[in-house]
């Protein structure tokens, strides 16, 4: 079984993204070297780095989003909104008869990330 353990997000200005996510994660990156900045987030690692082919804002932010689990979607939504993150979708419940909540933001490069209630359904991991 494969294990997704990290995401590398390229940017024209990875320092700007690192500074933004320092506020979101409320900590300094665990790793910073040669223009790359890496954060340990839960059981995963999120790294921002430079790439000569990446310029400007993400033109297709709906294509890929990463999710941040929290039991307090409403509270975290207000905190992150207060940090100046662009709100894409206010907290909503994606399905009837569910306790799940989702909210979507855009970072300075226009990449989307979501706050999500922890998944409590059956998980198949083999």
N, C-alpha and C. Protein backbone atom coordinates (compact mmCIF):
# COMPACT_ATOMS: atom_id res chain seq x y z
N UNK A 1 0.83 -1.18 0.00
CA UNK A 1 0.00 0.00 0.00
C UNK A 1 0.88 1.24 0.00
N UNK A 2 0.56 2.19 -0.84
CA UNK A 2 1.28 3.45 -0.89
C UNK A 2 0.77 4.39 0.19
N UNK A 3 1.62 5.28 0.64
CA UNK A 3 1.26 6.26 1.66
C UNK A 3 1.62 7.64 1.14
N UNK A 4 0.63 8.50 0.95
CA UNK A 4 0.89 9.88 0.57
C UNK A 4 1.37 10.61 1.82
N UNK A 5 2.63 11.02 1.82
CA UNK A 5 3.17 11.63 3.03
C UNK A 5 3.56 13.08 2.88
N UNK A 6 3.58 13.60 1.63
CA UNK A 6 3.95 15.00 1.48
C UNK A 6 3.42 15.57 0.17
N UNK A 7 3.33 16.89 0.16
CA UNK A 7 2.94 17.63 -1.04
C UNK A 7 3.98 18.72 -1.24
N UNK A 8 4.44 18.88 -2.48
CA UNK A 8 5.37 19.93 -2.85
C UNK A 8 4.61 20.89 -3.75
N UNK A 9 4.48 22.14 -3.31
CA UNK A 9 3.74 23.15 -4.05
C UNK A 9 4.73 24.19 -4.55
N UNK A 10 4.85 24.30 -5.86
CA UNK A 10 5.80 25.26 -6.44
C UNK A 10 5.18 26.64 -6.55
N UNK A 11 6.04 27.65 -6.48
CA UNK A 11 5.60 29.04 -6.49
C UNK A 11 6.69 29.93 -7.07
N UNK A 12 6.27 31.04 -7.63
CA UNK A 12 7.23 32.06 -8.05
C UNK A 12 7.84 32.73 -6.81
N UNK A 13 7.08 32.72 -5.70
CA UNK A 13 7.53 33.34 -4.46
C UNK A 13 7.22 32.43 -3.26
N UNK A 14 8.00 31.34 -3.10
CA UNK A 14 7.71 30.41 -2.00
C UNK A 14 7.86 31.04 -0.62
N UNK A 15 8.68 32.05 -0.47
CA UNK A 15 8.82 32.73 0.83
C UNK A 15 7.50 33.39 1.22
N UNK A 16 6.82 33.99 0.25
CA UNK A 16 5.52 34.62 0.52
C UNK A 16 4.51 33.58 0.98
N UNK A 17 4.50 32.41 0.33
CA UNK A 17 3.60 31.34 0.77
C UNK A 17 3.98 30.84 2.16
N UNK A 18 5.27 30.67 2.40
CA UNK A 18 5.72 30.23 3.72
C UNK A 18 5.27 31.21 4.80
N UNK A 19 5.42 32.50 4.54
CA UNK A 19 5.01 33.50 5.52
C UNK A 19 3.50 33.44 5.78
N UNK A 20 2.72 33.20 4.73
CA UNK A 20 1.27 33.06 4.86
C UNK A 20 0.92 31.84 5.70
N UNK A 21 1.50 30.69 5.36
CA UNK A 21 1.16 29.45 6.07
C UNK A 21 1.73 29.40 7.48
N UNK A 22 2.77 30.18 7.78
CA UNK A 22 3.23 30.29 9.17
C UNK A 22 2.08 30.78 10.05
N UNK A 23 1.31 31.73 9.53
CA UNK A 23 0.17 32.26 10.28
C UNK A 23 -0.96 31.23 10.36
N UNK A 24 -1.18 30.51 9.28
CA UNK A 24 -2.25 29.50 9.26
C UNK A 24 -1.92 28.38 10.24
N UNK A 25 -0.69 27.86 10.17
CA UNK A 25 -0.28 26.73 11.02
C UNK A 25 0.19 27.16 12.40
N UNK A 26 0.36 28.45 12.60
CA UNK A 26 0.80 29.03 13.88
C UNK A 26 2.14 28.47 14.33
N UNK A 27 3.07 28.39 13.37
CA UNK A 27 4.42 27.93 13.69
C UNK A 27 5.36 28.24 12.53
N UNK A 28 6.64 28.14 12.83
CA UNK A 28 7.68 28.31 11.82
C UNK A 28 7.82 27.01 11.02
N UNK A 29 8.33 27.09 9.79
CA UNK A 29 8.57 25.85 9.05
C UNK A 29 9.64 25.01 9.77
N UNK A 30 9.47 23.70 9.71
CA UNK A 30 10.46 22.81 10.32
C UNK A 30 11.72 22.73 9.47
N UNK A 31 11.59 23.10 8.23
CA UNK A 31 12.71 22.98 7.30
C UNK A 31 12.70 24.16 6.34
N UNK A 32 13.86 24.80 6.16
CA UNK A 32 14.00 25.90 5.20
C UNK A 32 15.41 25.83 4.63
N UNK A 33 15.48 25.64 3.32
CA UNK A 33 16.79 25.51 2.68
C UNK A 33 16.68 25.79 1.19
N UNK A 34 17.59 26.59 0.68
CA UNK A 34 17.70 26.90 -0.75
C UNK A 34 16.37 27.33 -1.38
N UNK A 35 15.62 28.17 -0.67
CA UNK A 35 14.37 28.68 -1.20
C UNK A 35 13.17 27.77 -0.98
N UNK A 36 13.37 26.66 -0.29
CA UNK A 36 12.28 25.73 0.03
C UNK A 36 11.91 25.88 1.50
N UNK A 37 10.62 25.71 1.80
CA UNK A 37 10.11 25.85 3.16
C UNK A 37 9.15 24.69 3.42
N UNK A 38 9.40 23.91 4.46
CA UNK A 38 8.59 22.73 4.72
C UNK A 38 7.94 22.76 6.10
N UNK A 39 6.66 22.40 6.12
CA UNK A 39 5.89 22.36 7.36
C UNK A 39 5.39 20.95 7.62
N UNK A 40 5.58 20.47 8.83
CA UNK A 40 4.96 19.23 9.27
C UNK A 40 3.54 19.60 9.68
N UNK A 41 2.55 18.97 9.01
CA UNK A 41 1.15 19.29 9.25
C UNK A 41 0.43 17.97 9.50
N UNK A 42 0.09 17.71 10.75
CA UNK A 42 -0.51 16.42 11.09
C UNK A 42 0.47 15.31 10.76
N UNK A 43 0.04 14.35 9.96
CA UNK A 43 0.89 13.23 9.58
C UNK A 43 1.55 13.43 8.22
N UNK A 44 1.45 14.64 7.67
CA UNK A 44 1.99 14.94 6.35
C UNK A 44 2.98 16.08 6.42
N UNK A 45 3.64 16.31 5.29
CA UNK A 45 4.61 17.39 5.17
C UNK A 45 4.22 18.22 3.96
N UNK A 46 4.14 19.54 4.12
CA UNK A 46 3.79 20.45 3.04
C UNK A 46 4.98 21.36 2.78
N UNK A 47 5.49 21.33 1.54
CA UNK A 47 6.67 22.10 1.19
C UNK A 47 6.34 23.08 0.08
N UNK A 48 6.89 24.29 0.19
CA UNK A 48 6.78 25.31 -0.85
C UNK A 48 8.17 25.53 -1.41
N UNK A 49 8.27 25.57 -2.74
CA UNK A 49 9.57 25.76 -3.35
C UNK A 49 9.49 26.50 -4.66
N UNK A 50 10.66 26.96 -5.14
CA UNK A 50 10.71 27.71 -6.39
C UNK A 50 10.71 26.77 -7.60
N UNK A 51 10.19 27.28 -8.71
CA UNK A 51 10.24 26.53 -9.98
C UNK A 51 10.23 27.55 -11.10
N UNK A 52 11.19 27.42 -12.01
CA UNK A 52 11.32 28.43 -13.07
C UNK A 52 10.13 28.47 -14.03
N UNK A 53 9.34 27.41 -14.09
CA UNK A 53 8.18 27.39 -14.99
C UNK A 53 6.89 27.88 -14.34
N UNK A 54 6.93 28.17 -13.04
CA UNK A 54 5.74 28.62 -12.32
C UNK A 54 5.79 30.14 -12.19
N UNK A 55 4.79 30.80 -12.75
CA UNK A 55 4.71 32.27 -12.71
C UNK A 55 3.30 32.69 -12.30
N UNK A 56 3.22 33.69 -11.44
CA UNK A 56 1.94 34.29 -11.09
C UNK A 56 1.02 33.38 -10.29
N UNK A 57 -0.27 33.73 -10.33
CA UNK A 57 -1.29 33.00 -9.57
C UNK A 57 -1.74 31.74 -10.29
N UNK A 58 -2.24 30.80 -9.51
CA UNK A 58 -2.77 29.55 -10.03
C UNK A 58 -3.99 29.85 -10.90
N UNK A 59 -3.94 29.42 -12.16
CA UNK A 59 -5.04 29.68 -13.09
C UNK A 59 -6.14 28.62 -13.02
N UNK A 60 -5.89 27.51 -12.33
CA UNK A 60 -6.87 26.43 -12.19
C UNK A 60 -6.93 25.95 -10.73
N UNK A 61 -7.32 26.82 -9.81
CA UNK A 61 -7.27 26.44 -8.39
C UNK A 61 -8.25 25.35 -8.00
N UNK A 62 -9.27 25.10 -8.84
CA UNK A 62 -10.23 24.04 -8.52
C UNK A 62 -9.67 22.65 -8.81
N UNK A 63 -8.59 22.57 -9.55
CA UNK A 63 -8.03 21.28 -9.96
C UNK A 63 -7.51 20.47 -8.79
N UNK A 64 -6.85 21.12 -7.85
CA UNK A 64 -6.26 20.40 -6.73
C UNK A 64 -6.36 21.26 -5.48
N UNK A 65 -6.91 20.70 -4.41
CA UNK A 65 -7.00 21.39 -3.13
C UNK A 65 -6.45 20.46 -2.06
N UNK A 66 -5.90 21.03 -1.03
CA UNK A 66 -5.55 20.18 0.11
C UNK A 66 -6.46 20.55 1.26
N UNK A 67 -6.73 19.56 2.09
CA UNK A 67 -7.69 19.69 3.18
C UNK A 67 -6.99 19.68 4.52
N UNK A 68 -7.44 20.55 5.41
CA UNK A 68 -6.93 20.62 6.76
C UNK A 68 -8.08 20.25 7.70
N UNK A 69 -7.92 19.14 8.41
CA UNK A 69 -8.96 18.69 9.33
C UNK A 69 -8.95 19.50 10.62
N UNK A 70 -10.15 19.78 11.09
CA UNK A 70 -10.31 20.43 12.39
C UNK A 70 -11.70 20.10 12.93
N UNK A 71 -11.78 19.94 14.22
CA UNK A 71 -13.09 19.72 14.84
C UNK A 71 -13.83 21.04 15.02
N UNK A 72 -13.15 22.17 14.77
CA UNK A 72 -13.73 23.50 14.94
C UNK A 72 -13.67 24.28 13.62
N UNK A 73 -14.40 23.82 12.62
CA UNK A 73 -14.39 24.49 11.31
C UNK A 73 -14.80 25.95 11.46
N UNK A 74 -15.84 26.22 12.22
CA UNK A 74 -16.34 27.59 12.37
C UNK A 74 -15.29 28.51 13.02
N UNK A 75 -14.70 28.05 14.11
CA UNK A 75 -13.70 28.86 14.80
C UNK A 75 -12.47 29.09 13.95
N UNK A 76 -11.97 28.03 13.30
CA UNK A 76 -10.79 28.16 12.43
C UNK A 76 -11.10 29.02 11.21
N UNK A 77 -12.33 28.91 10.70
CA UNK A 77 -12.73 29.75 9.57
C UNK A 77 -12.60 31.23 9.95
N UNK A 78 -13.12 31.59 11.10
CA UNK A 78 -13.05 32.99 11.54
C UNK A 78 -11.60 33.42 11.77
N UNK A 79 -10.79 32.55 12.38
CA UNK A 79 -9.39 32.89 12.64
C UNK A 79 -8.64 33.12 11.34
N UNK A 80 -8.78 32.19 10.39
CA UNK A 80 -8.05 32.28 9.13
C UNK A 80 -8.56 33.44 8.28
N UNK A 81 -9.85 33.66 8.28
CA UNK A 81 -10.41 34.82 7.58
C UNK A 81 -9.82 36.10 8.16
N UNK A 82 -9.68 36.15 9.48
CA UNK A 82 -9.09 37.31 10.15
C UNK A 82 -7.63 37.54 9.81
N UNK A 83 -6.94 36.50 9.33
CA UNK A 83 -5.55 36.64 8.91
C UNK A 83 -5.43 37.22 7.50
N UNK A 84 -6.59 37.39 6.84
CA UNK A 84 -6.57 37.97 5.50
C UNK A 84 -6.66 36.97 4.37
N UNK A 85 -6.88 35.70 4.69
CA UNK A 85 -7.03 34.70 3.62
C UNK A 85 -8.29 35.00 2.83
N UNK A 86 -8.23 34.80 1.53
CA UNK A 86 -9.39 35.03 0.67
C UNK A 86 -10.40 33.90 0.86
N UNK A 87 -11.63 34.26 1.21
CA UNK A 87 -12.69 33.27 1.39
C UNK A 87 -13.25 32.90 0.01
N UNK A 88 -13.23 31.61 -0.30
CA UNK A 88 -13.80 31.10 -1.53
C UNK A 88 -15.21 30.56 -1.26
N UNK A 89 -15.35 29.84 -0.13
CA UNK A 89 -16.66 29.31 0.27
C UNK A 89 -16.75 29.35 1.79
N UNK A 90 -17.77 30.02 2.30
CA UNK A 90 -18.03 30.05 3.74
C UNK A 90 -18.40 28.64 4.20
N UNK A 91 -18.31 28.35 5.50
CA UNK A 91 -18.64 27.00 5.97
C UNK A 91 -20.03 26.55 5.52
N UNK A 92 -20.05 25.32 5.02
CA UNK A 92 -21.31 24.72 4.56
C UNK A 92 -21.27 23.23 4.84
N UNK A 93 -22.44 22.62 4.84
CA UNK A 93 -22.54 21.18 5.02
C UNK A 93 -22.77 20.57 3.64
N UNK A 94 -21.86 19.71 3.17
CA UNK A 94 -21.94 19.19 1.81
C UNK A 94 -23.06 18.18 1.57
N UNK A 95 -23.56 17.56 2.62
CA UNK A 95 -24.61 16.55 2.47
C UNK A 95 -25.64 16.72 3.58
N UNK A 96 -26.88 16.37 3.27
CA UNK A 96 -27.92 16.39 4.29
C UNK A 96 -27.63 15.31 5.33
N UNK A 97 -28.17 15.48 6.51
CA UNK A 97 -28.02 14.48 7.58
C UNK A 97 -26.56 14.17 7.88
N UNK A 98 -25.73 15.20 7.91
CA UNK A 98 -24.33 14.99 8.23
C UNK A 98 -23.89 16.05 9.23
N UNK A 99 -22.86 15.74 9.97
CA UNK A 99 -22.28 16.71 10.90
C UNK A 99 -21.05 17.38 10.28
N UNK A 100 -20.73 16.99 9.07
CA UNK A 100 -19.53 17.49 8.40
C UNK A 100 -19.69 18.93 7.93
N UNK A 101 -18.61 19.69 8.04
CA UNK A 101 -18.55 21.06 7.56
C UNK A 101 -17.31 21.23 6.69
N UNK A 102 -17.42 22.09 5.69
CA UNK A 102 -16.29 22.42 4.80
C UNK A 102 -16.28 23.93 4.60
N UNK A 103 -15.10 24.51 4.53
CA UNK A 103 -14.92 25.91 4.15
C UNK A 103 -13.69 25.97 3.25
N UNK A 104 -13.70 26.86 2.27
CA UNK A 104 -12.61 26.94 1.30
C UNK A 104 -12.00 28.34 1.27
N UNK A 105 -10.68 28.38 1.23
CA UNK A 105 -9.90 29.62 1.15
C UNK A 105 -8.95 29.56 -0.04
N UNK A 106 -8.41 30.72 -0.41
CA UNK A 106 -7.33 30.80 -1.40
C UNK A 106 -6.12 31.43 -0.72
N UNK A 107 -4.94 30.90 -1.02
CA UNK A 107 -3.71 31.47 -0.48
C UNK A 107 -3.21 32.58 -1.42
N UNK A 108 -2.09 33.24 -1.12
CA UNK A 108 -1.62 34.35 -1.96
C UNK A 108 -1.35 33.98 -3.43
N UNK A 109 -1.06 32.72 -3.72
CA UNK A 109 -0.85 32.28 -5.10
C UNK A 109 -2.16 31.85 -5.77
N UNK A 110 -3.26 31.90 -5.03
CA UNK A 110 -4.55 31.50 -5.59
C UNK A 110 -4.83 30.02 -5.45
N UNK A 111 -3.97 29.27 -4.75
CA UNK A 111 -4.23 27.85 -4.51
C UNK A 111 -5.33 27.73 -3.48
N UNK A 112 -6.22 26.75 -3.67
CA UNK A 112 -7.31 26.54 -2.73
C UNK A 112 -6.91 25.53 -1.66
N UNK A 113 -7.35 25.81 -0.44
CA UNK A 113 -7.25 24.84 0.64
C UNK A 113 -8.55 24.87 1.41
N UNK A 114 -8.89 23.74 2.03
CA UNK A 114 -10.16 23.63 2.72
C UNK A 114 -9.98 23.24 4.17
N UNK A 115 -10.88 23.75 5.00
CA UNK A 115 -11.05 23.26 6.36
C UNK A 115 -12.14 22.21 6.29
N UNK A 116 -11.94 21.09 6.96
CA UNK A 116 -12.93 20.02 6.93
C UNK A 116 -13.08 19.38 8.30
N UNK A 117 -14.31 19.03 8.62
CA UNK A 117 -14.58 18.24 9.81
C UNK A 117 -13.90 16.87 9.61
N UNK A 118 -13.28 16.30 10.64
CA UNK A 118 -12.65 14.99 10.47
C UNK A 118 -13.64 13.96 9.91
N UNK A 119 -13.14 13.15 9.01
CA UNK A 119 -13.94 12.09 8.40
C UNK A 119 -14.21 11.02 9.43
N UNK A 120 -15.47 10.68 9.62
CA UNK A 120 -15.84 9.66 10.61
C UNK A 120 -16.45 8.43 9.98
N UNK A 121 -16.46 8.38 8.65
CA UNK A 121 -17.00 7.20 7.97
C UNK A 121 -15.99 6.08 7.97
N UNK A 122 -16.35 4.99 7.31
CA UNK A 122 -15.43 3.86 7.22
C UNK A 122 -14.27 4.23 6.33
N UNK A 123 -13.08 3.89 6.75
CA UNK A 123 -11.88 4.13 5.96
C UNK A 123 -11.30 2.81 5.55
N UNK A 124 -10.96 2.69 4.30
CA UNK A 124 -10.35 1.46 3.81
C UNK A 124 -8.89 1.75 3.52
N UNK A 125 -8.02 1.32 4.41
CA UNK A 125 -6.58 1.50 4.23
C UNK A 125 -5.92 0.13 4.35
N UNK A 126 -5.37 -0.32 3.28
CA UNK A 126 -4.70 -1.62 3.29
C UNK A 126 -3.32 -1.51 2.70
